[in-house]
C-alpha atoms as a PDB file:
ATOM      1  CA  MET A   1       0.020  -0.004   0.012  1.00  0.00           C
ATOM      2  CA  THR A   2       1.510   3.294  -1.056  1.00  0.00           C
ATOM      3  CA  ILE A   3       1.684   6.601   0.880  1.00  0.00           C
ATOM      4  CA  ASP A   4      -0.545   8.291  -1.688  1.00  0.00           C
ATOM      5  CA  THR A   5      -3.186   5.553  -1.113  1.00  0.00           C
ATOM      6  CA  LEU A   6      -3.063   5.934   2.630  1.00  0.00           C
ATOM      7  CA  VAL A   7      -3.291   9.737   2.299  1.00  0.00           C
ATOM      8  CA  ALA A   8      -6.247   9.432  -0.073  1.00  0.00           C
ATOM      9  CA  PHE A   9      -8.154   7.349   2.481  1.00  0.00           C
ATOM     10  CA  PHE A  10      -8.384  10.414   4.803  1.00  0.00           C
ATOM     11  CA  GLU A  11     -10.420  12.158   2.156  1.00  0.00           C
ATOM     12  CA  LEU A  12     -12.173   9.352   0.273  1.00  0.00           C
ATOM     13  CA  HIS A  13     -12.782   6.396   2.640  1.00  0.00           C
ATOM     14  CA  GLN A  14     -16.395   6.104   3.623  1.00  0.00           C
ATOM     15  CA  ILE A  15     -15.617   5.756   7.394  1.00  0.00           C
ATOM     16  CA  MET A  16     -14.570   9.497   7.250  1.00  0.00           C
ATOM     17  CA  TRP A  17     -18.359  10.219   6.937  1.00  0.00           C
ATOM     18  CA  VAL A  18     -18.772   8.557  10.375  1.00  0.00           C
ATOM     19  CA  VAL A  19     -15.962  10.769  11.794  1.00  0.00           C
ATOM     20  CA  ALA A  20     -17.592  13.872  10.304  1.00  0.00           C
ATOM     21  CA  ALA A  21     -21.084  12.950  11.520  1.00  0.00           C
ATOM     22  CA  LEU A  22     -19.799  12.316  15.094  1.00  0.00           C
ATOM     23  CA  PHE A  23     -18.020  15.691  15.058  1.00  0.00           C
ATOM     24  CA  ILE A  24     -21.282  17.479  14.062  1.00  0.00           C
ATOM     25  CA  ILE A  25     -23.265  15.533  16.589  1.00  0.00           C
ATOM     26  CA  ASN A  26     -20.768  16.498  19.344  1.00  0.00           C
ATOM     27  CA  LEU A  27     -20.914  20.179  18.376  1.00  0.00           C
ATOM     28  CA  THR A  28     -24.754  20.036  18.356  1.00  0.00           C
ATOM     29  CA  ILE A  29     -25.165  18.494  21.761  1.00  0.00           C
ATOM     30  CA  THR A  30     -22.699  20.900  23.176  1.00  0.00           C
ATOM     31  CA  GLY A  31     -24.672  23.860  21.888  1.00  0.00           C
ATOM     32  CA  ILE A  32     -27.929  22.382  23.121  1.00  0.00           C
ATOM     33  CA  GLU A  33     -26.499  21.905  26.629  1.00  0.00           C
ATOM     34  CA  ILE A  34     -25.162  25.484  26.666  1.00  0.00           C
ATOM     35  CA  VAL A  35     -28.651  26.845  25.777  1.00  0.00           C
ATOM     36  CA  LEU A  36     -30.375  24.604  28.360  1.00  0.00           C
ATOM     37  CA  ASP A  37     -27.961  25.645  31.064  1.00  0.00           C
ATOM     38  CA  PHE A  38     -28.480  29.366  30.227  1.00  0.00           C
ATOM     39  CA  PHE A  39     -32.246  29.291  30.223  1.00  0.00           C
ATOM     40  CA  THR A  40     -32.581  26.969  33.238  1.00  0.00           C
ATOM     41  CA  SER A  41     -29.992  28.914  35.192  1.00  0.00           C
ATOM     42  CA  LYS A  42     -28.046  25.777  35.850  1.00  0.00           C
ATOM     43  CA  GLU A  43     -24.795  26.593  37.719  1.00  0.00           C
ATOM     44  CA  ARG A  44     -21.967  26.950  35.230  1.00  0.00           C
ATOM     45  CA  ARG A  45     -18.684  28.931  35.290  1.00  0.00           C
ATOM     46  CA  TRP A  46     -19.151  30.865  32.101  1.00  0.00           C
ATOM     47  CA  LYS A  47     -15.513  32.086  31.968  1.00  0.00           C
ATOM     48  CA  ASP A  48     -14.466  28.449  32.144  1.00  0.00           C
ATOM     49  CA  THR A  49     -16.797  27.632  29.340  1.00  0.00           C
ATOM     50  CA  MET A  50     -15.324  30.461  27.188  1.00  0.00           C
ATOM     51  CA  ALA A  51     -11.756  29.217  27.943  1.00  0.00           C
ATOM     52  CA  ASN A  52     -12.791  25.734  26.818  1.00  0.00           C
ATOM     53  CA  MET A  53     -14.155  27.076  23.554  1.00  0.00           C
ATOM     54  CA  VAL A  54     -10.984  29.165  22.858  1.00  0.00           C
ATOM     55  CA  ILE A  55      -8.939  25.963  23.363  1.00  0.00           C
ATOM     56  CA  PHE A  56     -11.284  24.070  21.036  1.00  0.00           C
ATOM     57  CA  VAL A  57     -10.838  26.697  18.260  1.00  0.00           C
ATOM     58  CA  ALA A  58      -7.072  26.579  18.758  1.00  0.00           C
ATOM     59  CA  HIS A  59      -7.235  22.787  18.277  1.00  0.00           C
ATOM     60  CA  GLN A  60      -9.145  23.165  15.010  1.00  0.00           C
ATOM     61  CA  VAL A  61      -6.580  25.569  13.721  1.00  0.00           C
ATOM     62  CA  ILE A  62      -3.656  23.223  14.547  1.00  0.00           C
ATOM     63  CA  GLU A  63      -5.529  20.287  12.846  1.00  0.00           C
ATOM     64  CA  LYS A  64      -5.591  22.290   9.624  1.00  0.00           C
ATOM     65  CA  THR A  65      -1.814  22.712   9.592  1.00  0.00           C
ATOM     66  CA  ALA A  66       1.084  20.478   8.773  1.00  0.00           C
ATOM     67  CA  PHE A  67       1.260  19.445  12.486  1.00  0.00           C
ATOM     68  CA  ALA A  68      -1.888  17.337  11.868  1.00  0.00           C
ATOM     69  CA  SER A  69       0.118  14.957   9.716  1.00  0.00           C
ATOM     70  CA  LEU A  70       2.867  14.461  12.281  1.00  0.00           C
ATOM     71  CA  GLY A  71       1.500  11.207  13.694  1.00  0.00           C
ATOM     72  CA  PHE A  72       0.740   9.728  10.325  1.00  0.00           C
ATOM     73  CA  VAL A  73       4.294  10.429   8.954  1.00  0.00           C
ATOM     74  CA  ALA A  74       5.892   9.167  12.155  1.00  0.00           C
ATOM     75  CA  LEU A  75       4.043   5.827  11.938  1.00  0.00           C
ATOM     76  CA  LEU A  76       4.927   5.175   8.324  1.00  0.00           C
ATOM     77  CA  PRO A  77       8.424   3.600   9.025  1.00  0.00           C
ATOM     78  CA  PHE A  78       6.840   1.125  11.414  1.00  0.00           C
ATOM     79  CA  PHE A  79       4.146   0.287   8.804  1.00  0.00           C
ATOM     80  CA  TYR A  80       6.775  -0.501   6.164  1.00  0.00           C
ATOM     81  CA  LEU A  81       9.010  -2.430   8.590  1.00  0.00           C
ATOM     82  CA  SER A  82       6.185  -4.668   9.822  1.00  0.00           C
ATOM     83  CA  PRO A  83       5.913  -8.030   7.943  1.00  0.00           C
ATOM     84  CA  LEU A  84       2.250  -8.206   8.902  1.00  0.00           C
ATOM     85  CA  SER A  85      -0.708  -6.714   7.042  1.00  0.00           C
ATOM     86  CA  ILE A  86      -4.370  -6.600   8.027  1.00  0.00           C
ATOM     87  CA  PRO A  87      -6.758  -5.839   5.204  1.00  0.00           C
ATOM     88  CA  MET A  88      -9.532  -3.250   5.722  1.00  0.00           C
ATOM     89  CA  THR A  89     -12.869  -4.950   5.962  1.00  0.00           C
ATOM     90  CA  VAL A  90     -15.958  -4.422   8.151  1.00  0.00           C
ATOM     91  CA  TRP A  91     -14.669  -7.085  10.555  1.00  0.00           C
ATOM     92  CA  THR A  92     -11.176  -5.688  10.777  1.00  0.00           C
ATOM     93  CA  TRP A  93     -12.563  -2.238  11.473  1.00  0.00           C
ATOM     94  CA  ILE A  94     -14.352  -3.731  14.498  1.00  0.00           C
ATOM     95  CA  LEU A  95     -11.121  -5.319  15.489  1.00  0.00           C
ATOM     96  CA  ALA A  96      -9.198  -1.984  15.002  1.00  0.00           C
ATOM     97  CA  LEU A  97     -11.729  -0.175  17.179  1.00  0.00           C
ATOM     98  CA  LEU A  98     -11.222  -2.797  19.932  1.00  0.00           C
ATOM     99  CA  ALA A  99      -7.460  -2.524  19.592  1.00  0.00           C
ATOM    100  CA  ALA A 100      -7.647   1.232  19.613  1.00  0.00           C
ATOM    101  CA  ASP A 101      -9.813   1.146  22.732  1.00  0.00           C
ATOM    102  CA  PHE A 102      -7.204  -1.076  24.509  1.00  0.00           C
ATOM    103  CA  THR A 103      -4.515   1.242  23.321  1.00  0.00           C
ATOM    104  CA  TYR A 104      -6.359   4.243  24.606  1.00  0.00           C
ATOM    105  CA  TYR A 105      -6.795   2.610  28.044  1.00  0.00           C
ATOM    106  CA  TRP A 106      -3.036   2.302  28.486  1.00  0.00           C
ATOM    107  CA  MET A 107      -2.191   5.671  26.912  1.00  0.00           C
ATOM    108  CA  HIS A 108      -4.754   7.368  29.168  1.00  0.00           C
ATOM    109  CA  ARG A 109      -3.489   5.528  32.259  1.00  0.00           C
ATOM    110  CA  LEU A 110       0.167   6.331  31.591  1.00  0.00           C
ATOM    111  CA  GLU A 111      -0.831   9.999  31.113  1.00  0.00           C
ATOM    112  CA  HIS A 112      -2.119   9.925  34.677  1.00  0.00           C
ATOM    113  CA  GLU A 113       0.924   8.125  36.051  1.00  0.00           C
ATOM    114  CA  HIS A 114       3.910  10.028  34.590  1.00  0.00           C
ATOM    115  CA  ARG A 115       4.361  13.701  35.244  1.00  0.00           C
ATOM    116  CA  ILE A 116       5.600  14.813  31.801  1.00  0.00           C
ATOM    117  CA  LEU A 117       2.546  13.171  30.198  1.00  0.00           C
ATOM    118  CA  TRP A 118       0.230  14.472  32.897  1.00  0.00           C
ATOM    119  CA  ALA A 119       1.487  18.037  32.207  1.00  0.00           C
ATOM    120  CA  SER A 120      -0.505  17.947  28.955  1.00  0.00           C
ATOM    121  CA  HIS A 121      -3.378  15.706  30.015  1.00  0.00           C
ATOM    122  CA  SER A 122      -4.086  17.621  33.206  1.00  0.00           C
ATOM    123  CA  VAL A 123      -5.521  20.372  30.942  1.00  0.00           C
ATOM    124  CA  HIS A 124      -8.557  18.243  30.404  1.00  0.00           C
ATOM    125  CA  HIS A 125      -9.038  17.665  34.194  1.00  0.00           C
ATOM    126  CA  SER A 126      -8.378  21.163  35.395  1.00  0.00           C
ATOM    127  CA  SER A 127     -11.944  22.509  35.032  1.00  0.00           C
ATOM    128  CA  LYS A 128     -14.156  22.587  38.195  1.00  0.00           C
ATOM    129  CA  ASP A 129     -17.172  22.282  35.891  1.00  0.00           C
ATOM    130  CA  TYR A 130     -18.374  19.168  34.153  1.00  0.00           C
ATOM    131  CA  ASN A 131     -20.216  19.787  30.838  1.00  0.00           C
ATOM    132  CA  TYR A 132     -19.756  19.154  27.146  1.00  0.00           C
ATOM    133  CA  THR A 133     -17.375  22.078  26.685  1.00  0.00           C
ATOM    134  CA  VAL A 134     -14.917  20.222  29.049  1.00  0.00           C
ATOM    135  CA  GLY A 135     -14.834  17.504  26.358  1.00  0.00           C
ATOM    136  CA  PHE A 136     -13.168  20.136  24.102  1.00  0.00           C
ATOM    137  CA  ARG A 137     -10.692  21.216  26.778  1.00  0.00           C
ATOM    138  CA  LEU A 138      -7.754  19.235  25.448  1.00  0.00           C
ATOM    139  CA  SER A 139      -4.031  20.025  25.461  1.00  0.00           C
ATOM    140  CA  LEU A 140      -2.517  21.356  22.264  1.00  0.00           C
ATOM    141  CA  VAL A 141       0.599  19.293  23.064  1.00  0.00           C
ATOM    142  CA  GLU A 142      -0.864  15.808  23.255  1.00  0.00           C
ATOM    143  CA  GLY A 143      -1.005  15.351  19.466  1.00  0.00           C
ATOM    144  CA  PHE A 144       2.802  15.619  19.339  1.00  0.00           C
ATOM    145  CA  PHE A 145       3.331  12.382  21.233  1.00  0.00           C
ATOM    146  CA  GLU A 146       0.118  10.318  21.425  1.00  0.00           C
ATOM    147  CA  TRP A 147       0.726   8.827  17.962  1.00  0.00           C
ATOM    148  CA  ALA A 148       3.547   6.795  19.638  1.00  0.00           C
ATOM    149  CA  PHE A 149       1.052   4.656  21.453  1.00  0.00           C
ATOM    150  CA  LEU A 150      -0.266   3.387  18.095  1.00  0.00           C
ATOM    151  CA  ILE A 151       3.028   1.735  17.253  1.00  0.00           C
ATOM    152  CA  PRO A 152       2.028  -1.692  18.541  1.00  0.00           C
ATOM    153  CA  MET A 153      -1.185  -1.525  16.359  1.00  0.00           C
ATOM    154  CA  ILE A 154       0.971  -0.800  13.322  1.00  0.00           C
ATOM    155  CA  LEU A 155       3.453  -3.594  14.092  1.00  0.00           C
ATOM    156  CA  ILE A 156       0.661  -6.186  14.232  1.00  0.00           C
ATOM    157  CA  GLY A 157      -0.568  -5.270  10.847  1.00  0.00           C
ATOM    158  CA  PHE A 158      -2.938  -2.279  10.942  1.00  0.00           C
ATOM    159  CA  ASN A 159      -2.134   0.491   8.583  1.00  0.00           C
ATOM    160  CA  PRO A 160      -1.680   4.086   9.939  1.00  0.00           C
ATOM    161  CA  PHE A 161      -4.992   5.225   8.510  1.00  0.00           C
ATOM    162  CA  GLN A 162      -6.943   2.489  10.305  1.00  0.00           C
ATOM    163  CA  ALA A 163      -4.994   2.929  13.556  1.00  0.00           C
ATOM    164  CA  ILE A 164      -5.380   6.734  13.622  1.00  0.00           C
ATOM    165  CA  VAL A 165      -9.071   6.695  12.731  1.00  0.00           C
ATOM    166  CA  GLY A 166      -9.710   4.003  15.257  1.00  0.00           C
ATOM    167  CA  LEU A 167      -8.230   6.116  17.985  1.00  0.00           C
ATOM    168  CA  VAL A 168     -10.169   9.174  16.722  1.00  0.00           C
ATOM    169  CA  LEU A 169     -13.477   7.257  16.935  1.00  0.00           C
ATOM    170  CA  VAL A 170     -12.666   6.204  20.508  1.00  0.00           C
ATOM    171  CA  ALA A 171     -11.935   9.872  21.342  1.00  0.00           C
ATOM    172  CA  GLN A 172     -15.183  11.110  19.663  1.00  0.00           C
ATOM    173  CA  TYR A 173     -17.278   8.502  21.382  1.00  0.00           C
ATOM    174  CA  GLN A 174     -16.291  10.041  24.699  1.00  0.00           C
ATOM    175  CA  HIS A 175     -17.611  13.495  24.123  1.00  0.00           C
ATOM    176  CA  TRP A 176     -21.166  12.649  25.096  1.00  0.00           C
ATOM    177  CA  VAL A 177     -20.082  11.362  28.556  1.00  0.00           C
ATOM    178  CA  HIS A 178     -19.024  14.846  29.655  1.00  0.00           C
ATOM    179  CA  THR A 179     -22.303  15.927  31.200  1.00  0.00           C
ATOM    180  CA  GLU A 180     -24.284  15.935  34.471  1.00  0.00           C
ATOM    181  CA  ARG A 181     -27.558  15.956  32.646  1.00  0.00           C
ATOM    182  CA  VAL A 182     -27.485  12.140  32.054  1.00  0.00           C
ATOM    183  CA  THR A 183     -27.935  10.177  35.237  1.00  0.00           C
ATOM    184  CA  LYS A 184     -26.915   6.588  35.917  1.00  0.00           C
ATOM    185  CA  LEU A 185     -27.771   4.135  33.156  1.00  0.00           C
ATOM    186  CA  GLY A 186     -27.937   0.821  35.051  1.00  0.00           C
ATOM    187  CA  TRP A 187     -26.102  -2.099  33.425  1.00  0.00           C
ATOM    188  CA  LEU A 188     -24.721   0.164  30.748  1.00  0.00           C
ATOM    189  CA  ASP A 189     -22.469   1.775  33.344  1.00  0.00           C
ATOM    190  CA  GLU A 190     -20.951  -1.597  33.961  1.00  0.00           C
ATOM    191  CA  VAL A 191     -20.071  -2.248  30.328  1.00  0.00           C
ATOM    192  CA  PHE A 192     -19.523   1.072  28.653  1.00  0.00           C
ATOM    193  CA  ASN A 193     -17.983   4.490  29.382  1.00  0.00           C
ATOM    194  CA  THR A 194     -21.022   6.507  30.328  1.00  0.00           C
ATOM    195  CA  PRO A 195     -21.615   9.963  31.932  1.00  0.00           C
ATOM    196  CA  SER A 196     -21.781   8.349  35.350  1.00  0.00           C
ATOM    197  CA  VAL A 197     -18.619   6.306  34.817  1.00  0.00           C
ATOM    198  CA  HIS A 198     -16.684   9.366  33.400  1.00  0.00           C
ATOM    199  CA  ARG A 199     -17.844  11.696  36.144  1.00  0.00           C
ATOM    200  CA  VAL A 200     -15.929   9.389  38.467  1.00  0.00           C
ATOM    201  CA  HIS A 201     -12.798   9.761  36.295  1.00  0.00           C
ATOM    202  CA  HIS A 202     -13.032  13.536  36.576  1.00  0.00           C
ATOM    203  CA  GLY A 203     -13.488  13.512  40.351  1.00  0.00           C
ATOM    204  CA  SER A 204     -10.837  14.808  42.749  1.00  0.00           C
ATOM    205  CA  ASN A 205     -12.495  12.802  45.593  1.00  0.00           C
ATOM    206  CA  HIS A 206      -9.883  10.481  47.089  1.00  0.00           C
ATOM    207  CA  GLN A 207     -11.931   7.300  46.222  1.00  0.00           C
ATOM    208  CA  TYR A 208     -12.184   8.428  42.596  1.00  0.00           C
ATOM    209  CA  LEU A 209      -8.527   9.251  41.875  1.00  0.00           C
ATOM    210  CA  ASP A 210      -7.011   7.308  38.958  1.00  0.00           C
ATOM    211  CA  LYS A 211     -10.162   5.375  38.124  1.00  0.00           C
ATOM    212  CA  ASN A 212     -12.074   4.650  34.918  1.00  0.00           C
ATOM    213  CA  TYR A 213      -9.521   5.165  32.144  1.00  0.00           C
ATOM    214  CA  GLY A 214     -11.482   3.321  29.480  1.00  0.00           C
ATOM    215  CA  GLY A 215     -12.503   5.001  26.275  1.00  0.00           C
ATOM    216  CA  ILE A 216     -15.530   3.004  25.164  1.00  0.00           C
ATOM    217  CA  LEU A 217     -15.506  -0.211  27.130  1.00  0.00           C
ATOM    218  CA  MET A 218     -15.025  -0.656  30.882  1.00  0.00           C
ATOM    219  CA  ILE A 219     -13.652  -4.156  30.486  1.00  0.00           C
ATOM    220  CA  TRP A 220     -10.040  -2.910  30.619  1.00  0.00           C
ATOM    221  CA  ASP A 221     -10.648  -1.107  33.905  1.00  0.00           C
ATOM    222  CA  LYS A 222     -12.257  -4.188  35.391  1.00  0.00           C
ATOM    223  CA  ILE A 223      -9.434  -6.395  34.227  1.00  0.00           C
ATOM    224  CA  PHE A 224      -6.640  -4.098  35.470  1.00  0.00           C
ATOM    225  CA  GLY A 225      -8.393  -3.039  38.750  1.00  0.00           C
ATOM    226  CA  THR A 226      -9.107   0.631  38.000  1.00  0.00           C
ATOM    227  CA  PHE A 227     -12.904   0.542  37.887  1.00  0.00           C
ATOM    228  CA  ALA A 228     -15.035   2.571  40.293  1.00  0.00           C
ATOM    229  CA  ARG A 229     -18.740   3.305  40.440  1.00  0.00           C
ATOM    230  CA  GLU A 230     -20.239   6.669  41.071  1.00  0.00           C
ATOM    231  CA  GLU A 231     -21.312   6.744  44.738  1.00  0.00           C
ATOM    232  CA  GLU A 232     -20.623   9.940  46.643  1.00  0.00           C
ATOM    233  CA  LYS A 233     -21.064  13.333  44.980  1.00  0.00           C
ATOM    234  CA  VAL A 234     -18.227  14.066  42.447  1.00  0.00           C
ATOM    235  CA  VAL A 235     -15.973  17.058  43.151  1.00  0.00           C
ATOM    236  CA  TYR A 236     -14.539  18.044  39.823  1.00  0.00           C
ATOM    237  CA  GLY A 237     -11.097  19.364  38.989  1.00  0.00           C
ATOM    238  CA  LEU A 238      -7.599  18.843  40.284  1.00  0.00           C
ATOM    239  CA  THR A 239      -6.600  18.243  43.916  1.00  0.00           C
ATOM    240  CA  GLU A 240      -4.813  21.541  43.625  1.00  0.00           C
ATOM    241  CA  ASP A 241      -6.803  24.065  41.623  1.00  0.00           C
ATOM    242  CA  ILE A 242      -4.969  26.081  38.977  1.00  0.00           C
ATOM    243  CA  ASN A 243      -7.198  29.159  39.667  1.00  0.00           C
ATOM    244  CA  THR A 244      -7.183  30.541  36.082  1.00  0.00           C
ATOM    245  CA  ASN A 245      -9.324  30.841  33.057  1.00  0.00           C
ATOM    246  CA  ASN A 246      -6.488  31.999  30.804  1.00  0.00           C
ATOM    247  CA  PRO A 247      -6.272  29.408  28.046  1.00  0.00           C
ATOM    248  CA  VAL A 248      -2.522  29.802  27.639  1.00  0.00           C
ATOM    249  CA  LYS A 249      -1.939  29.241  31.352  1.00  0.00           C
ATOM    250  CA  ILE A 250      -4.356  26.336  31.398  1.00  0.00           C
ATOM    251  CA  ILE A 251      -2.348  24.591  28.711  1.00  0.00           C
ATOM    252  CA  PHE A 252       1.084  25.282  29.980  1.00  0.00           C
ATOM    253  CA  ILE A 253       0.894  25.715  33.768  1.00  0.00           C
ATOM    254  CA  GLU A 254       1.968  22.218  34.678  1.00  0.00           C
ATOM    255  CA  PHE A 255       4.975  22.432  32.367  1.00  0.00           C
ATOM    256  CA  GLY A 256       5.979  25.533  34.320  1.00  0.00           C
ATOM    257  CA  ASN A 257       5.528  23.615  37.631  1.00  0.00           C
ATOM    258  CA  ILE A 258       7.738  20.830  36.339  1.00  0.00           C
ATOM    259  CA  TRP A 259      10.451  23.370  35.321  1.00  0.00           C
ATOM    260  CA  ARG A 260      10.173  25.068  38.729  1.00  0.00           C
ATOM    261  CA  ASP A 261      10.837  21.698  40.440  1.00  0.00           C
ATOM    262  CA  VAL A 262      13.625  20.659  38.033  1.00  0.00           C
ATOM    263  CA  LYS A 263      15.575  23.853  38.967  1.00  0.00           C
ATOM    264  CA  LYS A 264      15.353  22.955  42.613  1.00  0.00           C
ATOM    265  CA  CYS A 265      16.771  19.463  42.065  1.00  0.00           C
ATOM    266  CA  ARG A 266      20.385  18.704  43.088  1.00  0.00           C
ATOM    267  CA  THR A 267      21.145  15.706  40.912  1.00  0.00           C
ATOM    268  CA  MET A 268      20.425  14.691  37.339  1.00  0.00           C
ATOM    269  CA  GLY A 269      18.700  11.590  38.617  1.00  0.00           C
ATOM    270  CA  ASP A 270      16.234  13.661  40.619  1.00  0.00           C
ATOM    271  CA  ARG A 271      15.598  15.950  37.617  1.00  0.00           C
ATOM    272  CA  LEU A 272      14.827  12.905  35.374  1.00  0.00           C
ATOM    273  CA  ARG A 273      12.530  11.483  38.084  1.00  0.00           C
ATOM    274  CA  ILE A 274      10.750  14.804  38.448  1.00  0.00           C
ATOM    275  CA  ILE A 275      10.117  14.877  34.722  1.00  0.00           C
ATOM    276  CA  PHE A 276       9.343  11.291  33.924  1.00  0.00           C
ATOM    277  CA  GLY A 277       8.403   9.836  37.341  1.00  0.00           C
ATOM    278  CA  GLY A 278       5.156   9.698  39.306  1.00  0.00           C
ATOM    279  CA  LEU A 279       3.059  12.719  39.955  1.00  0.00           C
ATOM    280  CA  SER A 280       3.545  12.952  43.668  1.00  0.00           C
ATOM    281  CA  TRP A 281       7.264  12.190  43.985  1.00  0.00           C
ATOM    282  CA  ARG A 282       9.536  14.945  45.161  1.00  0.00           C
ATOM    283  CA  PRO A 283      13.163  14.661  46.583  1.00  0.00           C
ATOM    284  CA  SER A 284      13.317  14.446  50.365  1.00  0.00           C
ATOM    285  CA  TYR A 285      15.275  17.710  50.507  1.00  0.00           C
ATOM    286  CA  PHE A 286      12.382  19.712  49.082  1.00  0.00           C
ATOM    287  CA  ASP A 287      11.235  21.702  52.141  1.00  0.00           C
ATOM    288  CA  SER A 288       7.777  23.010  52.847  1.00  0.00           C
ATOM    289  CA  GLU A 289       8.474  26.188  50.902  1.00  0.00           C
ATOM    290  CA  THR A 290       8.717  24.154  47.610  1.00  0.00           C
ATOM    291  CA  GLY A 291       4.999  23.361  47.742  1.00  0.00           C
ATOM    292  CA  SER A 292       2.977  20.267  48.558  1.00  0.00           C
ATOM    293  CA  GLN A 293       4.601  16.851  48.362  1.00  0.00           C
ATOM    294  CA  ASP A 294       1.499  15.726  46.404  1.00  0.00           C
ATOM    295  CA  GLY A 295       1.478  16.851  42.813  1.00  0.00           C
ATOM    296  CA  PRO A 296      -1.679  17.854  41.075  1.00  0.00           C
ATOM    297  CA  LYS A 297      -3.801  14.800  40.267  1.00  0.00           C
ATOM    298  CA  THR A 298      -7.211  13.911  39.411  1.00  0.00           C
END
């Protein structure tokens, strides 16, 4: 399969109609929720909502530039090196979606466990609100590295187009779960990522920290011991609030926190562990003036 053929798929393949339809649906339900919240006077931090929309527009601008093809280009060497090849059929698209969902679970989990990854992903968790605009509150940095998590899919035979679109579909599915307007859904909450399940994931309550990483299916969380049900009222946001609605600060504040801690480190080993280690780790010589020993988590 040639590069030109793969590129053409992004414009001509019929599954792109599904991607486009989901995008329109997500925009529509976001607009409906905003109108409902306004006319029903539901509590909402409107400056937070505006910040989310600014970040969303910035995302759309970046996706229309050369940066959008970074992941595709980076995956091509692995595609041509792999001796395996999976044809694109209805059944392999189902398999690709399942593989992408499994990939998403581990990508998402690692983004919560390693500080340099959390620096970008924490953007999505830093809002104290929980509504559909939070689904658009995504770091502008994640796209520069998340493609790397698709390498295993490429090596087992999926082409870059199928792997990327599979992950995009997993991400687009999740938009509808960012709302308080949908209550618990019974057995569906045990099988799929639903609003109730994902509210838990966005909670800063101790019992909800680092739970429910799944994209579409909850089977991965149940297998790997990270599943939790919505019980007590969810408190949204980080354990340490960033206290800003400035989109630039929202996106880059944790990178600044990492750099602050790196400058205080005495050894290269400590610097590397600050950057790539767990969120809460700090050297023992950090005194109380350096801040909390617990890094911002969700």
